Protein backbone atom coordinates (compact mmCIF):
# COMPACT_ATOMS: atom_id res chain seq x y z
CA MET A 1 0.19 0.06 0.05
CA LYS A 2 2.96 2.15 0.94
CA LYS A 3 4.74 1.81 -2.66
CA ILE A 4 1.28 2.42 -3.94
CA LEU A 5 0.57 5.70 -2.60
CA SER A 6 4.46 6.67 -3.40
CA LEU A 7 3.82 6.05 -7.10
CA VAL A 8 0.48 7.91 -6.97
CA LEU A 9 2.33 10.57 -5.34
CA VAL A 10 4.93 10.76 -7.76
CA SER A 11 2.79 10.67 -10.47
CA ILE A 12 0.67 13.60 -9.35
CA LEU A 13 3.95 15.78 -9.22
CA PHE A 14 5.33 14.63 -12.54
CA ILE A 15 1.59 15.92 -14.11
CA GLU A 16 1.45 18.53 -12.74
CA CYS A 17 4.29 20.77 -12.54
CA SER A 18 4.06 23.87 -14.73
CA THR A 19 6.58 27.07 -14.61
CA VAL A 20 5.59 30.48 -13.16
CA PRO A 21 5.49 33.39 -15.87
CA ILE A 22 8.82 35.58 -15.80
CA THR A 23 10.79 34.33 -12.55
CA GLY A 24 10.54 30.79 -14.19
CA ARG A 25 9.99 28.75 -11.16
CA LYS A 26 8.34 25.17 -11.04
CA ARG A 27 5.19 25.08 -9.35
CA PHE A 28 2.79 22.19 -8.65
CA ASN A 29 -0.78 22.83 -9.03
CA MET A 30 -3.43 20.04 -8.50
CA VAL A 31 -5.92 22.67 -8.35
CA SER A 32 -7.60 24.41 -11.57
CA ASP A 33 -8.94 27.96 -12.21
CA ALA A 34 -12.06 26.15 -12.89
CA GLN A 35 -12.05 24.58 -9.18
CA MET A 36 -10.69 28.19 -7.63
CA LEU A 37 -12.49 31.30 -8.79
CA PRO A 38 -16.01 30.18 -8.23
CA MET A 39 -14.70 29.45 -4.64
CA SER A 40 -12.76 33.00 -4.55
CA PHE A 41 -15.35 35.09 -5.72
CA GLN A 42 -18.10 33.45 -3.24
CA GLN A 43 -15.60 33.99 -0.35
CA TYR A 44 -14.99 37.80 -1.41
CA LYS A 45 -18.41 38.62 -2.26
CA GLY A 46 -19.19 36.99 1.51
CA PHE A 47 -16.36 39.25 2.87
CA LEU A 48 -17.87 42.40 1.40
CA THR A 49 -21.49 41.58 2.86
CA LYS A 50 -19.92 40.96 6.17
CA ASN A 51 -17.68 44.32 6.38
CA SER A 52 -20.70 45.90 3.91
CA SER A 53 -20.72 49.46 6.67
CA LYS A 54 -16.85 49.66 6.46
CA ILE A 55 -16.18 49.54 3.04
CA VAL A 56 -14.80 53.16 1.97
CA LYS A 57 -16.18 54.51 -1.40
CA ASN A 58 -16.07 57.58 -3.39
CA THR A 59 -13.26 59.48 -1.34
CA THR A 60 -9.76 60.42 -2.57
CA ALA A 61 -8.17 57.37 -1.31
CA SER A 62 -10.51 55.08 -2.52
CA ASN A 63 -10.96 56.52 -5.70
CA GLU A 64 -6.81 56.19 -6.12
CA LEU A 65 -6.78 52.82 -4.94
CA LYS A 66 -8.99 51.55 -7.58
CA THR A 67 -7.17 53.85 -10.52
CA VAL A 68 -3.78 52.19 -9.46
CA GLY A 69 -5.41 48.70 -9.52
CA LYS A 70 -6.94 49.32 -12.70
CA ASN A 71 -3.74 50.21 -14.14
CA ILE A 72 -1.87 47.34 -12.52
CA ALA A 73 -4.43 44.59 -13.85
CA GLY A 74 -3.82 46.36 -17.10
CA ALA A 75 -0.04 46.22 -17.22
CA VAL A 76 -0.96 42.57 -16.39
CA ASP A 77 -3.43 41.40 -18.61
CA LYS A 78 -1.49 42.86 -21.53
CA PHE A 79 1.26 40.42 -20.26
CA MET A 80 -1.15 37.72 -20.59
CA ARG A 81 -2.84 37.86 -23.77
CA ALA A 82 0.49 38.79 -25.40
CA ASN A 83 2.05 35.61 -23.86
CA GLY A 84 -0.46 33.03 -24.99
CA MET A 85 -2.59 33.46 -21.66
CA VAL A 86 -5.81 34.48 -22.67
CA ALA A 87 -8.41 32.39 -21.48
CA GLU A 88 -6.51 33.24 -18.22
CA ALA A 89 -6.99 36.93 -18.76
CA ASN A 90 -10.80 36.45 -19.30
CA SER A 91 -10.78 34.76 -16.39
CA TYR A 92 -10.16 37.84 -13.68
CA LYS A 93 -12.90 39.56 -12.73
CA TRP A 94 -10.94 42.47 -10.96
CA GLU A 95 -12.61 44.44 -8.39
CA PHE A 96 -11.08 46.79 -5.83
CA ASN A 97 -12.07 47.49 -2.08
CA LEU A 98 -10.85 49.86 0.74
CA ILE A 99 -11.92 48.75 4.14
CA GLU A 100 -11.87 50.87 7.39
CA ASP A 101 -9.67 49.01 9.19
CA LYS A 102 -6.64 49.73 11.34
CA ASN A 103 -4.89 46.67 10.67
CA VAL A 104 -1.97 46.66 8.54
CA ASN A 105 -3.07 44.80 5.88
CA ALA A 106 -3.88 43.80 1.78
CA TRP A 107 -4.97 41.01 -0.17
CA CYS A 108 -5.59 39.88 -3.50
CA MET A 109 -7.82 36.48 -3.80
CA PRO A 110 -7.42 34.15 -7.06
CA GLY A 111 -9.14 36.34 -10.26
CA GLY A 112 -8.51 39.54 -9.12
CA LYS A 113 -10.80 40.45 -5.99
CA VAL A 114 -8.77 42.74 -4.06
CA VAL A 115 -9.18 44.33 -0.30
CA PHE A 116 -6.52 47.33 1.32
CA PHE A 117 -7.11 47.93 4.50
CA THR A 118 -6.87 51.82 5.62
CA GLY A 119 -3.87 50.75 8.14
CA ILE A 120 -1.72 49.99 5.11
CA LEU A 121 -2.20 53.42 3.67
CA PRO A 122 0.39 55.44 5.98
CA ILE A 123 2.85 52.55 5.56
CA CYS A 124 1.97 52.78 1.44
CA LYS A 125 2.45 56.77 1.88
CA ASN A 126 1.94 57.64 -1.80
CA THR A 127 0.71 56.87 -5.13
CA ASP A 128 3.73 54.63 -6.15
CA GLY A 129 3.53 52.95 -2.60
CA ILE A 130 -0.14 51.89 -3.33
CA ALA A 131 1.02 50.62 -6.58
CA ALA A 132 4.10 48.85 -4.70
CA VAL A 133 1.36 46.64 -2.20
CA MET A 134 -0.84 46.50 -5.19
CA GLY A 135 1.56 44.72 -7.04
CA HIS A 136 2.45 42.23 -4.84
CA GLU A 137 -0.89 41.33 -3.95
CA ILE A 138 -1.72 40.74 -7.47
CA ALA A 139 1.48 39.05 -8.08
CA HIS A 140 0.30 36.40 -5.55
CA ALA A 141 -2.98 35.44 -8.17
CA PHE A 142 -1.06 35.72 -10.98
CA ALA A 143 1.59 33.40 -9.85
CA LYS A 144 -1.22 30.94 -8.40
CA HIS A 145 0.32 30.98 -5.00
CA GLY A 146 -3.56 29.90 -3.41
CA GLN A 147 -3.81 27.15 -5.82
CA GLU A 148 -0.28 26.13 -5.05
CA ARG A 149 -0.49 26.12 -1.00
CA MET A 150 -4.03 24.39 -1.43
CA SER A 151 -1.88 21.40 -3.91
CA SER A 152 0.86 21.22 -1.29
CA ALA A 153 -2.01 20.73 1.74
CA GLN A 154 -3.28 17.65 -0.26
CA ILE A 155 -0.18 16.19 -0.96
CA GLN A 156 0.79 16.16 2.66
CA GLN A 157 -2.67 14.58 3.78
CA LEU A 158 -2.09 11.36 1.26
CA GLY A 159 2.27 11.76 2.73
CA GLY A 160 0.61 11.63 6.19
CA LEU A 161 -1.46 8.66 5.29
CA ALA A 162 1.43 6.82 3.57
CA VAL A 163 3.56 7.42 6.76
CA ALA A 164 0.30 6.08 9.08
CA ILE A 165 0.11 2.65 6.92
CA GLY A 166 3.54 1.75 6.51
CA THR A 167 4.68 2.16 10.32
CA ARG A 168 2.94 -0.93 11.96
CA ASN A 169 4.01 -0.10 15.61
CA SER A 170 2.09 2.12 17.21
CA LYS A 171 5.20 4.16 19.35
CA GLN A 172 7.12 4.30 16.03
CA ALA A 173 4.11 6.15 14.51
CA GLN A 174 3.58 8.19 16.69
CA VAL A 175 7.23 9.33 16.37
CA TRP A 176 7.38 9.36 12.52
CA ASN A 177 3.96 11.13 12.68
CA ARG A 178 5.36 13.95 14.99
CA VAL A 179 8.29 14.29 12.99
CA TYR A 180 6.35 14.31 9.63
CA GLY A 181 4.43 17.12 11.21
CA LEU A 182 7.60 19.58 11.92
CA GLY A 183 9.14 18.60 8.92
CA SER A 184 5.91 19.71 6.49
CA THR A 185 5.09 22.27 9.09
CA LEU A 186 8.63 24.27 8.71
CA GLY A 187 8.42 23.12 4.56
CA MET A 188 5.29 25.05 4.32
CA LEU A 189 6.57 28.18 6.39
CA LYS A 190 10.13 27.93 4.25
CA TYR A 191 6.87 27.52 1.23
CA SER A 192 5.63 31.05 2.02
CA ARG A 193 8.30 32.61 1.82
CA LYS A 194 9.46 31.50 -1.57
CA HIS A 195 6.02 32.83 -2.59
CA GLU A 196 6.63 36.17 -0.83
CA THR A 197 10.07 36.44 -2.73
CA GLU A 198 8.38 35.82 -6.08
CA ALA A 199 5.33 38.23 -5.41
CA ASP A 200 7.80 40.79 -4.54
CA LYS A 201 9.64 40.40 -7.60
CA LEU A 202 6.63 39.86 -9.96
CA GLY A 203 4.97 42.80 -7.94
CA LEU A 204 7.84 45.26 -8.86
CA VAL A 205 7.84 43.96 -12.96
CA PHE A 206 3.75 44.84 -12.74
CA MET A 207 4.22 48.26 -11.21
CA ILE A 208 6.69 49.50 -13.75
CA MET A 209 4.87 48.25 -16.19
CA ALA A 210 2.14 50.19 -15.43
CA GLY A 211 4.15 53.29 -15.26
CA TYR A 212 5.10 53.69 -11.42
CA LYS A 213 8.70 53.94 -9.60
CA GLY A 214 9.65 50.88 -9.05
CA GLU A 215 11.94 52.93 -6.38
CA GLU A 216 9.18 52.88 -3.74
CA ALA A 217 9.16 49.17 -3.00
CA ILE A 218 11.93 49.50 -1.39
CA ASN A 219 10.54 52.62 0.74
CA VAL A 220 7.56 50.58 1.39
CA TRP A 221 9.39 47.60 3.24
CA ILE A 222 11.41 50.49 4.92
CA ARG A 223 8.48 52.27 6.32
CA MET A 224 7.06 48.74 7.23
CA LYS A 225 10.28 47.75 9.40
CA GLU A 226 10.18 51.27 11.13
CA ASN A 227 6.28 50.75 11.48
CA SER A 228 7.09 47.29 13.41
CA MET A 229 9.87 48.94 15.31
CA LYS A 230 7.44 51.84 17.08
CA SER A 231 4.96 48.89 17.77
CA GLY A 232 7.58 47.28 19.53
CA ARG A 233 6.37 43.64 17.94
CA LYS A 234 9.59 41.08 18.42
CA ALA A 235 9.97 39.37 14.93
CA GLN A 236 10.14 36.09 14.78
CA PRO A 237 13.66 34.51 13.47
CA GLU A 238 13.16 33.99 9.71
CA PHE A 239 13.22 30.14 9.46
CA LEU A 240 9.95 29.67 11.75
CA SER A 241 8.54 32.81 9.86
CA THR A 242 5.84 32.86 6.80
CA HIS A 243 7.26 35.93 5.41
CA PRO A 244 10.67 36.79 4.69
CA SER A 245 12.44 39.41 7.60
CA ASN A 246 12.25 43.26 6.19
CA GLU A 247 15.62 43.34 5.88
CA SER A 248 15.94 40.60 3.32
CA ARG A 249 13.01 41.98 1.36
CA ILE A 250 14.95 45.49 1.48
CA ARG A 251 17.67 43.90 -0.14
CA GLU A 252 16.50 41.46 -2.44
CA LEU A 253 14.31 44.10 -4.05
CA ARG A 254 17.19 46.41 -4.01
CA ASN A 255 19.35 43.52 -5.93
CA TYR A 256 16.04 43.01 -7.95
CA LEU A 257 15.10 46.30 -9.42
CA PRO A 258 17.46 46.68 -12.04
CA GLU A 259 16.28 43.41 -13.70
CA ALA A 260 12.76 44.46 -12.95
CA LYS A 261 13.06 47.63 -14.97
CA ARG A 262 14.53 45.60 -17.99
CA LEU A 263 11.98 42.90 -18.04
CA ALA A 264 8.87 45.70 -17.67
CA LEU A 265 10.41 47.60 -20.72
CA LYS A 266 10.57 44.21 -22.73
CA TYR A 267 6.79 43.18 -21.56
CA SER A 268 5.98 46.86 -22.12
CA LYS A 269 6.45 46.68 -25.90
């Protein structure tokens, strides 16, 4: 049984591997857009319904957010249509909303459903800062990080089953399950950091393609670092964190900026 499960896992991994456009990273995805997008749109609608009283409408901030979002979405759409991703481009239902909430947060669901909390606007500080965060969040959807995480969770479940079936001694099974759980948890955390770094890079390319200043992405993370220091929050060691450290992000963005400008110019033609 263990051998059969192992063969199934290897077969799935072989069949479902694809490549992230621009970065060229190999990804594993068992969840199709047809499966993911209806769930995403439903969740987004539910979130807006639940937070309807907090939606900020027809203000300078909300209008600026929507303008920036549409510009970056336009750059992403242009890239997809020029690179054989027409069906995927057609599947996006772009929407941008600002929510009155002091938390420093923003996110983009698969299919282009974006939310910014007002708490992140001081970190953004200006239009280019909004573009930096917008590009990063849209990049998560573009690279299908949500689908990839769901696929990994499914594989973890199958892997855990293989461990349980292949171990006869109950005490030994407990040890292996504990080791498996720890290993998979740290693996997923590292995996998440890989996604964050990829979204930083893709977002930088997209914001520059849309006409915004890529240098501001670096400044956003400098301000994020300063905000964390002011709040007195102690950062976890990076290997136990789901996100890269602010220092790592600042360094990586500085190093990648020349390449991002080159790619933005290439894909804007």
